[in-house]
Amino acid sequence: MIREWKYDLGIGAVPTGSFDANHVMLLLKLLTHNLVRDFVANCMPSLLNWRLAWVRRVLFLVPGRLLQTGNRRYLRLPARSPLYQLRC
């Protein structure tokens, strides 16, 4: 888990010299980790044992197009994308 946090989320990198700013960045990265893991556990349990870098590659690094018709916005994804096929 520490390896995943350090290399996949960049917790080992200190972005600023301010302790408070670094603390906020750490909390945001841990929140991101928890939200992604919760999403995977609820919607894609087959990816539960995958590292965060691979989950991100499969689920979130998908080409898409944000479209707007009238007042409605929607995201158009490729049909082979796991997010397109997801009904969660």
N, C-alpha and C. Protein backbone atom coordinates (compact mmCIF):
# COMPACT_ATOMS: atom_id res chain seq x y z
N MET A 1 0.82 -1.18 0.00
CA MET A 1 0.00 0.00 0.00
C MET A 1 0.87 1.26 0.00
N ILE A 2 1.95 1.23 0.75
CA ILE A 2 2.84 2.39 0.79
C ILE A 2 3.47 2.61 -0.57
N ARG A 3 3.84 1.51 -1.24
CA ARG A 3 4.42 1.63 -2.58
C ARG A 3 3.43 2.28 -3.54
N GLU A 4 2.17 1.87 -3.45
CA GLU A 4 1.14 2.44 -4.31
C GLU A 4 0.96 3.92 -4.02
N TRP A 5 0.91 4.29 -2.74
CA TRP A 5 0.77 5.70 -2.40
C TRP A 5 1.96 6.51 -2.87
N LYS A 6 3.16 5.95 -2.69
CA LYS A 6 4.36 6.70 -3.02
C LYS A 6 4.55 6.88 -4.52
N TYR A 7 4.36 5.81 -5.28
CA TYR A 7 4.66 5.89 -6.70
C TYR A 7 3.45 6.22 -7.57
N ASP A 8 2.28 5.74 -7.22
CA ASP A 8 1.11 5.98 -8.06
C ASP A 8 0.42 7.30 -7.74
N LEU A 9 0.46 7.73 -6.49
CA LEU A 9 -0.16 8.99 -6.11
C LEU A 9 0.85 10.11 -5.88
N GLY A 10 2.11 9.79 -5.80
CA GLY A 10 3.13 10.81 -5.61
C GLY A 10 3.20 11.37 -4.22
N ILE A 11 2.90 10.57 -3.21
CA ILE A 11 2.94 11.06 -1.83
C ILE A 11 4.37 11.33 -1.38
N GLY A 12 5.34 10.67 -2.01
CA GLY A 12 6.73 10.89 -1.64
C GLY A 12 7.25 12.26 -2.06
N ALA A 13 6.57 12.92 -3.00
CA ALA A 13 7.01 14.23 -3.48
C ALA A 13 6.39 15.32 -2.62
N VAL A 14 7.21 16.26 -2.20
CA VAL A 14 6.75 17.39 -1.40
C VAL A 14 6.65 18.60 -2.33
N PRO A 15 5.41 19.07 -2.60
CA PRO A 15 5.27 20.13 -3.60
C PRO A 15 5.70 21.52 -3.15
N THR A 16 5.62 21.83 -1.86
CA THR A 16 5.95 23.18 -1.42
C THR A 16 6.78 23.12 -0.14
N GLY A 17 7.19 24.27 0.32
CA GLY A 17 7.93 24.36 1.56
C GLY A 17 7.03 24.61 2.77
N SER A 18 5.74 24.76 2.52
CA SER A 18 4.79 25.05 3.59
C SER A 18 4.22 23.74 4.15
N PHE A 19 4.30 23.59 5.45
CA PHE A 19 3.79 22.37 6.08
C PHE A 19 2.29 22.22 5.87
N ASP A 20 1.54 23.30 6.00
CA ASP A 20 0.08 23.24 5.85
C ASP A 20 -0.31 22.86 4.42
N ALA A 21 0.37 23.43 3.44
CA ALA A 21 0.07 23.10 2.04
C ALA A 21 0.40 21.63 1.75
N ASN A 22 1.50 21.14 2.29
CA ASN A 22 1.86 19.74 2.10
C ASN A 22 0.85 18.81 2.78
N HIS A 23 0.37 19.21 3.94
CA HIS A 23 -0.63 18.41 4.65
C HIS A 23 -1.92 18.33 3.84
N VAL A 24 -2.35 19.44 3.26
CA VAL A 24 -3.55 19.46 2.44
C VAL A 24 -3.36 18.57 1.21
N MET A 25 -2.20 18.64 0.57
CA MET A 25 -1.94 17.79 -0.59
C MET A 25 -1.96 16.31 -0.21
N LEU A 26 -1.40 15.96 0.92
CA LEU A 26 -1.43 14.58 1.39
C LEU A 26 -2.86 14.11 1.61
N LEU A 27 -3.67 14.93 2.26
CA LEU A 27 -5.06 14.56 2.51
C LEU A 27 -5.85 14.41 1.21
N LEU A 28 -5.61 15.29 0.24
CA LEU A 28 -6.29 15.18 -1.06
C LEU A 28 -5.90 13.90 -1.79
N LYS A 29 -4.63 13.54 -1.72
CA LYS A 29 -4.17 12.32 -2.39
C LYS A 29 -4.74 11.08 -1.72
N LEU A 30 -4.82 11.08 -0.40
CA LEU A 30 -5.41 9.94 0.30
C LEU A 30 -6.92 9.86 0.05
N LEU A 31 -7.59 11.00 -0.02
CA LEU A 31 -9.00 11.01 -0.36
C LEU A 31 -9.23 10.46 -1.77
N THR A 32 -8.37 10.84 -2.70
CA THR A 32 -8.45 10.31 -4.06
C THR A 32 -8.31 8.80 -4.05
N HIS A 33 -7.33 8.31 -3.33
CA HIS A 33 -7.11 6.86 -3.24
C HIS A 33 -8.35 6.16 -2.69
N ASN A 34 -8.91 6.69 -1.62
CA ASN A 34 -10.09 6.07 -1.00
C ASN A 34 -11.30 6.11 -1.93
N LEU A 35 -11.52 7.21 -2.62
CA LEU A 35 -12.66 7.31 -3.53
C LEU A 35 -12.53 6.35 -4.71
N VAL A 36 -11.33 6.26 -5.28
CA VAL A 36 -11.13 5.34 -6.41
C VAL A 36 -11.31 3.90 -5.95
N ARG A 37 -10.75 3.54 -4.80
CA ARG A 37 -10.90 2.17 -4.30
C ARG A 37 -12.36 1.84 -3.98
N ASP A 38 -13.10 2.79 -3.44
CA ASP A 38 -14.51 2.58 -3.16
C ASP A 38 -15.30 2.40 -4.46
N PHE A 39 -15.01 3.21 -5.47
CA PHE A 39 -15.67 3.10 -6.76
C PHE A 39 -15.40 1.73 -7.39
N VAL A 40 -14.14 1.30 -7.35
CA VAL A 40 -13.77 0.00 -7.92
C VAL A 40 -14.44 -1.13 -7.15
N ALA A 41 -14.49 -1.04 -5.84
CA ALA A 41 -15.12 -2.10 -5.03
C ALA A 41 -16.61 -2.21 -5.32
N ASN A 42 -17.29 -1.09 -5.54
CA ASN A 42 -18.72 -1.11 -5.76
C ASN A 42 -19.11 -1.41 -7.21
N CYS A 43 -18.33 -0.90 -8.16
CA CYS A 43 -18.76 -0.97 -9.56
C CYS A 43 -17.93 -1.92 -10.42
N MET A 44 -16.69 -2.15 -10.09
CA MET A 44 -15.82 -3.01 -10.89
C MET A 44 -15.02 -3.94 -9.98
N PRO A 45 -15.65 -4.88 -9.31
CA PRO A 45 -14.93 -5.72 -8.35
C PRO A 45 -13.85 -6.59 -8.98
N SER A 46 -13.90 -6.79 -10.29
CA SER A 46 -12.85 -7.58 -10.94
C SER A 46 -11.51 -6.86 -10.94
N LEU A 47 -11.51 -5.54 -10.76
CA LEU A 47 -10.28 -4.74 -10.74
C LEU A 47 -9.79 -4.46 -9.33
N LEU A 48 -10.38 -5.08 -8.33
CA LEU A 48 -10.09 -4.75 -6.94
C LEU A 48 -8.65 -5.02 -6.55
N ASN A 49 -8.02 -6.04 -7.11
CA ASN A 49 -6.64 -6.38 -6.75
C ASN A 49 -5.61 -5.67 -7.62
N TRP A 50 -6.04 -4.87 -8.55
CA TRP A 50 -5.11 -4.14 -9.42
C TRP A 50 -4.54 -2.94 -8.68
N ARG A 51 -3.30 -2.56 -9.06
CA ARG A 51 -2.71 -1.35 -8.52
C ARG A 51 -3.41 -0.13 -9.09
N LEU A 52 -3.31 0.97 -8.38
CA LEU A 52 -4.01 2.20 -8.75
C LEU A 52 -3.59 2.71 -10.13
N ALA A 53 -2.33 2.55 -10.49
CA ALA A 53 -1.87 3.01 -11.80
C ALA A 53 -2.60 2.28 -12.93
N TRP A 54 -2.81 0.97 -12.77
CA TRP A 54 -3.50 0.20 -13.81
C TRP A 54 -4.99 0.49 -13.81
N VAL A 55 -5.58 0.68 -12.65
CA VAL A 55 -7.00 1.04 -12.59
C VAL A 55 -7.21 2.38 -13.28
N ARG A 56 -6.34 3.31 -13.01
CA ARG A 56 -6.43 4.63 -13.65
C ARG A 56 -6.28 4.52 -15.16
N ARG A 57 -5.37 3.67 -15.61
CA ARG A 57 -5.16 3.48 -17.04
C ARG A 57 -6.38 2.89 -17.73
N VAL A 58 -7.02 1.92 -17.07
CA VAL A 58 -8.16 1.23 -17.68
C VAL A 58 -9.44 2.07 -17.60
N LEU A 59 -9.68 2.70 -16.46
CA LEU A 59 -10.95 3.39 -16.26
C LEU A 59 -10.95 4.86 -16.64
N PHE A 60 -9.90 5.57 -16.28
CA PHE A 60 -9.96 7.02 -16.39
C PHE A 60 -9.18 7.62 -17.54
N LEU A 61 -8.19 6.93 -18.06
CA LEU A 61 -7.44 7.46 -19.19
C LEU A 61 -8.04 6.96 -20.50
N VAL A 62 -9.30 7.28 -20.68
CA VAL A 62 -10.07 6.85 -21.84
C VAL A 62 -10.37 8.08 -22.68
N PRO A 63 -10.14 8.02 -23.99
CA PRO A 63 -10.48 9.17 -24.81
C PRO A 63 -12.00 9.36 -24.83
N GLY A 64 -12.42 10.58 -24.76
CA GLY A 64 -13.84 10.88 -24.78
C GLY A 64 -14.06 12.29 -25.29
N ARG A 65 -15.29 12.60 -25.52
CA ARG A 65 -15.63 13.92 -26.03
C ARG A 65 -16.78 14.47 -25.20
N LEU A 66 -16.61 15.67 -24.67
CA LEU A 66 -17.65 16.34 -23.92
C LEU A 66 -18.50 17.13 -24.90
N LEU A 67 -19.78 16.78 -24.98
CA LEU A 67 -20.69 17.41 -25.93
C LEU A 67 -21.78 18.16 -25.20
N GLN A 68 -22.34 19.14 -25.89
CA GLN A 68 -23.42 19.93 -25.32
C GLN A 68 -24.49 20.12 -26.38
N THR A 69 -25.71 19.79 -26.02
CA THR A 69 -26.87 20.06 -26.88
C THR A 69 -27.87 20.81 -26.04
N GLY A 70 -28.14 22.02 -26.42
CA GLY A 70 -29.03 22.87 -25.63
C GLY A 70 -28.41 23.14 -24.28
N ASN A 71 -29.10 22.83 -23.21
CA ASN A 71 -28.59 23.02 -21.86
C ASN A 71 -28.06 21.72 -21.26
N ARG A 72 -27.96 20.68 -22.04
CA ARG A 72 -27.56 19.37 -21.54
C ARG A 72 -26.15 19.04 -22.01
N ARG A 73 -25.31 18.63 -21.06
CA ARG A 73 -23.95 18.20 -21.37
C ARG A 73 -23.84 16.71 -21.13
N TYR A 74 -23.09 16.04 -21.96
CA TYR A 74 -22.84 14.62 -21.75
C TYR A 74 -21.48 14.24 -22.31
N LEU A 75 -20.99 13.12 -21.82
CA LEU A 75 -19.68 12.62 -22.20
C LEU A 75 -19.85 11.45 -23.14
N ARG A 76 -19.26 11.53 -24.29
CA ARG A 76 -19.32 10.45 -25.26
C ARG A 76 -18.04 9.64 -25.17
N LEU A 77 -18.18 8.35 -24.91
CA LEU A 77 -17.05 7.44 -24.72
C LEU A 77 -17.05 6.36 -25.79
N PRO A 78 -15.90 5.76 -26.06
CA PRO A 78 -15.87 4.63 -26.98
C PRO A 78 -16.68 3.45 -26.42
N ALA A 79 -17.29 2.67 -27.29
CA ALA A 79 -18.16 1.58 -26.87
C ALA A 79 -17.40 0.49 -26.13
N ARG A 80 -16.11 0.34 -26.36
CA ARG A 80 -15.34 -0.72 -25.71
C ARG A 80 -14.81 -0.31 -24.34
N SER A 81 -15.04 0.93 -23.94
CA SER A 81 -14.58 1.42 -22.64
C SER A 81 -15.37 0.79 -21.51
N PRO A 82 -14.69 0.39 -20.41
CA PRO A 82 -15.43 -0.16 -19.26
C PRO A 82 -16.41 0.85 -18.65
N LEU A 83 -16.10 2.13 -18.72
CA LEU A 83 -17.03 3.13 -18.18
C LEU A 83 -18.29 3.24 -19.03
N TYR A 84 -18.16 3.00 -20.33
CA TYR A 84 -19.33 3.04 -21.21
C TYR A 84 -20.29 1.89 -20.88
N GLN A 85 -19.73 0.74 -20.58
CA GLN A 85 -20.53 -0.44 -20.31
C GLN A 85 -21.01 -0.51 -18.86
N LEU A 86 -20.53 0.37 -18.03
CA LEU A 86 -20.83 0.34 -16.60
C LEU A 86 -22.22 0.88 -16.32
N ARG A 87 -22.95 0.15 -15.52
CA ARG A 87 -24.27 0.60 -15.05
C ARG A 87 -24.24 0.55 -13.53
N CYS A 88 -23.66 1.58 -12.92
CA CYS A 88 -23.49 1.59 -11.47
C CYS A 88 -24.30 2.69 -10.84
